[in-house]
Amino acid sequence: MSLPANFSVEDFRVTLVGAGALGSALATALHAKGYRFVSVINRTAADAQQLALSLGAPHYSDQLLDMPHETNLLLLAVNDGAIESVAEKISELRLGFKTLVAIHFSGALSTDALKSLGAKGAITIAMHPFQTFTRQAHARLERPDLFKCYFGLQAPEIEGIEIGKKIAHDLGSKVMVVPKDAKTLYHIAGVMTSNYLVTLTSLAAEVFAGLGLQPKEAFKVFEPIMLGTLDNMRHADDARESLSGPIERGDARTIQKHLNELSEQLPHIVPVYVALAIETVRVAIHKGSISQSEAADILDLLEDFARRETNA
């Protein structure tokens, strides 16, 4: 596919496949920037119709076969496990593949998932927003700053990179070009910074349940320290410089008290605490806030508890 060097949104006729949280948010944001949607396809026709009406799209369906032939920008906002099979089904349709741009939004998968479309001549792009989208957060989806984030962008052709950059720019986003063989590492970082933050906060709320607080009440207590920590990291050259707390001070006695209390009250949290504490020692060493002997004392303590839990 060849696009003019100054191609604009008017060049595209967009079909969205997948009207879930991410697809709806992307389509709504792109529509606001002037992208012309010609169709919305979704497993549930009612959801497709509702979104199509809001986008001014003349067609909607629950069948891929109904995709308009004029489609030249295909947005696949479906589950990771469905991307390849959906792409294969689309590759069997009568479309102008040599003028088609096909994009999926998975963080874990490369454009290999779109190889059936690429084989027909389509430009393929993997373009993942480093942002969180949940079905419970529908009220957030119309926030103007939702896409003030990075997109992890991967494409086998320079045209794909340029088109991806254009779309990200139109959304108000920045771009991080991700090599195909680094997609898994990229996705690991996303899971750790978002999903596991939820897990840690949930565990902290479980600890606070011992003080009689409900999860919602606990989060009100957590929020200022979490935001303060994020702000400290934002202003540091290296996130590790923002470390505080007992390990940063080399306070093995406090760590001992934590482990004793967890062993009695919440033993299932001990392995998580130990694993995180071991990594935190490494951070403190890098920061230069503890000596090698202080680090060794804490690591010995942690390893002792880890052995104890294994043998329990």
Protein backbone atom coordinates (compact mmCIF):
# COMPACT_ATOMS: atom_id res chain seq x y z
CA MET A 1 0.00 0.00 0.00
CA SER A 2 1.28 3.47 -0.80
CA LEU A 3 -0.03 6.51 1.01
CA PRO A 4 0.79 10.13 0.27
CA ALA A 5 3.51 11.53 2.49
CA ASN A 6 0.96 13.91 4.02
CA PHE A 7 -1.86 11.38 4.36
CA SER A 8 -4.69 12.46 6.63
CA VAL A 9 -7.64 10.98 8.43
CA GLU A 10 -9.84 11.64 5.39
CA ASP A 11 -7.95 8.90 3.55
CA PHE A 12 -9.34 6.21 5.86
CA ARG A 13 -12.61 4.27 5.89
CA VAL A 14 -12.54 2.56 9.25
CA THR A 15 -14.09 -0.71 10.40
CA LEU A 16 -13.85 -1.61 14.07
CA VAL A 17 -14.06 -5.28 15.04
CA GLY A 18 -14.69 -5.56 18.79
CA ALA A 19 -16.84 -3.06 20.68
CA GLY A 20 -15.48 -3.79 24.16
CA ALA A 21 -13.84 -1.34 26.53
CA LEU A 22 -10.67 -0.77 24.48
CA GLY A 23 -12.37 -0.81 21.08
CA SER A 24 -15.06 1.61 22.21
CA ALA A 25 -12.55 3.99 23.75
CA LEU A 26 -10.27 3.95 20.70
CA ALA A 27 -13.11 4.41 18.25
CA THR A 28 -14.65 7.24 20.25
CA ALA A 29 -11.31 9.05 20.48
CA LEU A 30 -10.51 8.59 16.77
CA HIS A 31 -14.01 9.66 15.74
CA ALA A 32 -13.49 12.87 17.72
CA LYS A 33 -10.36 13.48 15.63
CA GLY A 34 -12.24 13.15 12.36
CA TYR A 35 -11.75 9.48 11.46
CA ARG A 36 -14.65 8.21 9.37
CA PHE A 37 -16.08 4.92 10.62
CA VAL A 38 -18.00 2.90 8.06
CA SER A 39 -18.79 -0.14 10.22
CA VAL A 40 -18.73 -1.65 13.69
CA ILE A 41 -18.68 -5.44 14.00
CA ASN A 42 -19.15 -7.15 17.33
CA ARG A 43 -20.33 -10.53 18.60
CA THR A 44 -23.32 -8.78 20.16
CA ALA A 45 -25.19 -6.85 17.48
CA ALA A 46 -26.87 -4.54 20.00
CA ASP A 47 -23.49 -3.31 21.27
CA ALA A 48 -22.28 -2.87 17.69
CA GLN A 49 -25.39 -0.84 16.86
CA GLN A 50 -25.05 1.39 19.91
CA LEU A 51 -21.42 2.21 19.18
CA ALA A 52 -22.04 2.62 15.43
CA LEU A 53 -24.73 5.21 16.16
CA SER A 54 -22.36 7.20 18.37
CA LEU A 55 -19.66 7.07 15.67
CA GLY A 56 -21.97 7.94 12.81
CA ALA A 57 -21.08 4.64 11.13
CA PRO A 58 -23.73 3.59 8.58
CA HIS A 59 -23.24 -0.15 9.10
CA TYR A 60 -23.09 -2.51 12.06
CA SER A 61 -23.20 -6.29 12.31
CA ASP A 62 -22.35 -9.36 14.32
CA GLN A 63 -20.88 -11.02 11.20
CA LEU A 64 -17.45 -10.45 9.65
CA LEU A 65 -18.97 -11.26 6.26
CA ASP A 66 -20.81 -7.93 6.41
CA MET A 67 -17.61 -5.88 6.45
CA PRO A 68 -17.91 -3.06 3.88
CA HIS A 69 -15.66 -3.48 0.84
CA GLU A 70 -14.55 0.15 1.15
CA THR A 71 -12.78 -0.58 4.46
CA ASN A 72 -9.12 0.43 4.26
CA LEU A 73 -8.35 0.78 7.98
CA LEU A 74 -9.21 -2.28 10.05
CA LEU A 75 -9.05 -2.04 13.84
CA LEU A 76 -9.05 -5.45 15.54
CA ALA A 77 -9.88 -4.80 19.20
CA VAL A 78 -10.61 -8.42 20.09
CA ASN A 79 -9.17 -10.77 22.71
CA ASP A 80 -5.61 -11.95 22.10
CA GLY A 81 -6.74 -15.52 21.56
CA ALA A 82 -9.10 -14.46 18.77
CA ILE A 83 -6.86 -12.11 16.78
CA GLU A 84 -5.25 -14.68 14.49
CA SER A 85 -8.47 -16.57 13.73
CA VAL A 86 -10.43 -13.35 13.09
CA ALA A 87 -7.65 -12.13 10.79
CA GLU A 88 -7.75 -15.42 8.87
CA LYS A 89 -11.51 -15.13 8.38
CA ILE A 90 -11.16 -11.56 7.15
CA SER A 91 -8.41 -12.64 4.73
CA GLU A 92 -11.03 -14.79 2.97
CA LEU A 93 -13.34 -11.82 2.30
CA ARG A 94 -13.44 -9.79 -0.88
CA LEU A 95 -11.60 -6.68 0.28
CA GLY A 96 -8.99 -4.43 -1.31
CA PHE A 97 -6.12 -5.95 0.68
CA LYS A 98 -3.41 -4.03 -1.18
CA THR A 99 -4.90 -0.80 0.14
CA LEU A 100 -5.74 -2.13 3.62
CA VAL A 101 -4.09 -1.23 6.92
CA ALA A 102 -4.83 -3.83 9.63
CA ILE A 103 -4.06 -3.08 13.27
CA HIS A 104 -4.39 -5.17 16.41
CA PHE A 105 -3.97 -3.80 19.92
CA SER A 106 -2.47 -6.72 21.85
CA GLY A 107 0.49 -6.03 24.09
CA ALA A 108 1.72 -9.62 23.96
CA LEU A 109 1.35 -10.47 20.26
CA SER A 110 3.33 -9.24 17.28
CA THR A 111 2.11 -8.66 13.74
CA ASP A 112 2.66 -12.38 13.15
CA ALA A 113 -0.94 -12.72 14.37
CA LEU A 114 -1.98 -10.79 11.23
CA LYS A 115 0.20 -12.74 8.80
CA SER A 116 -2.81 -13.98 6.82
CA LEU A 117 -3.69 -10.37 6.00
CA GLY A 118 -0.08 -9.43 5.34
CA ALA A 119 0.15 -12.29 2.86
CA LYS A 120 -2.69 -10.67 0.89
CA GLY A 121 -0.80 -7.38 0.71
CA ALA A 122 -2.16 -5.51 3.72
CA ILE A 123 0.06 -3.34 5.90
CA THR A 124 0.01 -4.91 9.37
CA ILE A 125 0.58 -3.08 12.64
CA ALA A 126 0.63 -4.10 16.31
CA MET A 127 -0.17 -1.03 18.36
CA HIS A 128 -0.73 -1.42 22.09
CA PRO A 129 -1.71 1.43 24.44
CA PHE A 130 0.36 1.29 27.63
CA GLN A 131 -2.81 2.07 29.56
CA THR A 132 -5.42 0.15 31.53
CA PHE A 133 -8.95 -0.57 30.28
CA THR A 134 -11.52 -2.45 32.33
CA ARG A 135 -15.22 -3.05 31.83
CA GLN A 136 -15.81 -1.51 35.25
CA ALA A 137 -14.17 1.73 34.10
CA HIS A 138 -16.65 2.66 31.35
CA ALA A 139 -17.07 6.12 32.84
CA ARG A 140 -13.35 6.72 32.24
CA LEU A 141 -13.50 5.87 28.55
CA GLU A 142 -14.55 9.36 27.49
CA ARG A 143 -11.85 11.09 29.51
CA PRO A 144 -9.86 13.41 27.22
CA ASP A 145 -6.58 12.30 28.81
CA LEU A 146 -7.22 8.55 28.47
CA PHE A 147 -4.73 8.23 25.63
CA LYS A 148 -2.13 10.58 27.09
CA CYS A 149 0.09 7.52 27.21
CA TYR A 150 2.60 5.60 25.12
CA PHE A 151 1.73 3.14 22.40
CA GLY A 152 4.04 0.17 21.97
CA LEU A 153 4.32 0.10 18.17
CA GLN A 154 5.59 -2.79 16.03
CA ALA A 155 5.31 -3.22 12.29
CA PRO A 156 7.39 -5.11 9.71
CA GLU A 157 7.35 -2.19 7.24
CA ILE A 158 8.30 1.46 7.57
CA GLU A 159 4.87 2.41 6.19
CA GLY A 160 3.28 0.65 9.14
CA ILE A 161 5.48 2.51 11.61
CA GLU A 162 4.59 5.84 10.01
CA ILE A 163 0.85 5.10 9.98
CA GLY A 164 1.00 3.94 13.60
CA LYS A 165 2.81 7.13 14.60
CA LYS A 166 0.19 9.20 12.81
CA ILE A 167 -2.69 7.47 14.60
CA ALA A 168 -0.95 7.74 17.98
CA HIS A 169 -0.24 11.43 17.37
CA ASP A 170 -3.91 12.02 16.50
CA LEU A 171 -4.86 10.41 19.81
CA GLY A 172 -2.47 12.68 21.69
CA SER A 173 -0.18 9.74 22.47
CA LYS A 174 3.55 9.11 22.25
CA VAL A 175 5.16 6.12 20.58
CA MET A 176 7.66 3.52 21.75
CA VAL A 177 8.83 1.37 18.83
CA VAL A 178 9.09 -2.22 20.06
CA PRO A 179 11.13 -4.83 18.13
CA LYS A 180 9.10 -7.93 17.32
CA ASP A 181 11.30 -10.20 19.44
CA ALA A 182 10.90 -7.87 22.45
CA LYS A 183 7.10 -7.91 22.57
CA THR A 184 6.98 -10.39 25.45
CA LEU A 185 9.37 -8.30 27.55
CA TYR A 186 7.33 -5.21 26.75
CA HIS A 187 4.14 -6.95 27.90
CA ILE A 188 5.78 -8.25 31.10
CA ALA A 189 6.59 -4.66 32.07
CA GLY A 190 2.97 -3.66 31.49
CA VAL A 191 1.63 -6.51 33.59
CA MET A 192 4.02 -5.68 36.43
CA THR A 193 3.24 -1.96 36.49
CA SER A 194 -0.54 -2.32 36.22
CA ASN A 195 -1.90 -5.77 37.06
CA TYR A 196 0.49 -6.51 39.91
CA LEU A 197 -0.07 -3.05 41.37
CA VAL A 198 -3.70 -4.10 41.77
CA THR A 199 -2.56 -7.36 43.39
CA LEU A 200 -0.26 -5.57 45.85
CA THR A 201 -2.96 -3.07 46.75
CA SER A 202 -5.43 -5.92 47.29
CA LEU A 203 -2.96 -7.66 49.61
CA ALA A 204 -2.35 -4.44 51.53
CA ALA A 205 -6.13 -4.06 51.92
CA GLU A 206 -6.25 -7.61 53.24
CA VAL A 207 -3.67 -6.64 55.87
CA PHE A 208 -5.71 -3.56 56.75
CA ALA A 209 -8.79 -5.73 57.21
CA GLY A 210 -7.16 -6.67 60.51
CA LEU A 211 -7.71 -3.04 61.53
CA GLY A 212 -11.38 -3.31 60.65
CA LEU A 213 -11.23 -1.40 57.37
CA GLN A 214 -13.20 -2.35 54.28
CA PRO A 215 -11.30 -2.34 50.93
CA LYS A 216 -12.78 1.01 49.83
CA GLU A 217 -11.83 2.60 53.15
CA ALA A 218 -8.36 1.08 52.98
CA PHE A 219 -7.76 2.53 49.53
CA LYS A 220 -8.54 6.02 50.83
CA VAL A 221 -5.63 5.52 53.23
CA PHE A 222 -3.36 4.04 50.55
CA GLU A 223 -4.03 6.62 47.85
CA PRO A 224 -1.88 9.51 49.18
CA ILE A 225 1.19 7.34 49.77
CA MET A 226 0.78 5.64 46.40
CA LEU A 227 0.45 8.96 44.58
CA GLY A 228 3.34 10.37 46.59
CA THR A 229 5.54 7.44 45.61
CA LEU A 230 4.60 7.86 41.94
CA ASP A 231 5.40 11.56 42.17
CA ASN A 232 8.79 10.81 43.72
CA MET A 233 9.58 8.41 40.88
CA ARG A 234 8.38 10.93 38.30
CA HIS A 235 10.97 13.43 39.50
CA ALA A 236 13.82 10.93 39.88
CA ASP A 237 16.28 9.90 37.18
CA ASP A 238 15.86 6.29 38.31
CA ALA A 239 12.83 4.87 40.12
CA ARG A 240 15.18 3.13 42.56
CA GLU A 241 16.19 6.52 43.97
CA SER A 242 12.65 6.86 45.37
CA LEU A 243 12.90 3.86 47.69
CA SER A 244 12.16 4.49 51.37
CA GLY A 245 11.23 2.30 54.32
CA PRO A 246 12.91 -0.28 56.57
CA ILE A 247 14.95 -2.09 53.91
CA GLU A 248 16.22 1.22 52.53
CA ARG A 249 17.42 1.97 56.08
CA GLY A 250 18.87 -1.49 56.68
CA ASP A 251 16.36 -2.13 59.48
CA ALA A 252 16.37 -5.93 59.77
CA ARG A 253 14.58 -5.86 63.12
CA THR A 254 11.44 -4.31 61.61
CA ILE A 255 11.46 -6.83 58.76
CA GLN A 256 11.66 -9.58 61.38
CA LYS A 257 8.58 -8.16 63.13
CA HIS A 258 6.68 -7.99 59.84
CA LEU A 259 7.45 -11.61 59.01
CA ASN A 260 6.55 -12.84 62.49
CA GLU A 261 3.19 -11.04 62.35
CA LEU A 262 2.40 -12.25 58.84
CA SER A 263 3.31 -15.82 59.78
CA GLU A 264 0.74 -15.71 62.57
CA GLN A 265 -2.00 -13.64 60.92
CA LEU A 266 -1.70 -13.99 57.14
CA PRO A 267 0.77 -16.77 56.31
CA HIS A 268 -0.23 -16.90 52.64
CA ILE A 269 1.24 -13.40 52.19
CA VAL A 270 4.69 -14.38 53.53
CA PRO A 271 6.04 -15.75 50.20
CA VAL A 272 5.00 -12.57 48.38
CA TYR A 273 6.51 -10.37 51.08
CA VAL A 274 9.77 -12.34 51.05
CA ALA A 275 10.08 -12.26 47.25
CA LEU A 276 9.46 -8.52 47.11
CA ALA A 277 11.79 -7.86 50.03
CA ILE A 278 14.65 -9.73 48.33
CA GLU A 279 14.24 -7.56 45.23
CA THR A 280 13.98 -4.46 47.43
CA VAL A 281 17.37 -5.29 48.96
CA ARG A 282 18.81 -5.19 45.45
CA VAL A 283 17.21 -1.79 44.91
CA ALA A 284 18.64 -0.48 48.20
CA ILE A 285 22.11 -1.74 47.28
CA HIS A 286 21.89 0.03 43.93
CA LYS A 287 20.74 3.21 45.67
CA GLY A 288 23.70 2.93 48.03
CA SER A 289 21.57 3.36 51.14
CA ILE A 290 22.65 0.13 52.87
CA SER A 291 25.97 -1.60 53.37
CA GLN A 292 26.80 -5.09 52.16
CA SER A 293 26.66 -6.37 55.73
CA GLU A 294 23.20 -4.84 56.29
CA ALA A 295 22.02 -6.37 53.04
CA ALA A 296 23.43 -9.76 54.06
CA ASP A 297 21.64 -9.63 57.43
CA ILE A 298 18.28 -8.92 55.78
CA LEU A 299 18.79 -11.54 53.06
CA ASP A 300 19.72 -14.17 55.66
CA LEU A 301 16.54 -13.36 57.55
CA LEU A 302 14.41 -13.56 54.41
CA GLU A 303 15.96 -16.81 53.25
CA ASP A 304 15.41 -18.32 56.69
CA PHE A 305 11.70 -17.46 56.51
CA ALA A 306 11.49 -18.74 52.94
CA ARG A 307 12.94 -22.10 54.03
CA ARG A 308 10.58 -22.20 56.97
CA GLU A 309 7.57 -21.64 54.72
CA THR A 310 8.77 -24.28 52.27
CA ASN A 311 9.11 -26.86 55.04
CA ALA A 312 5.84 -25.94 56.74
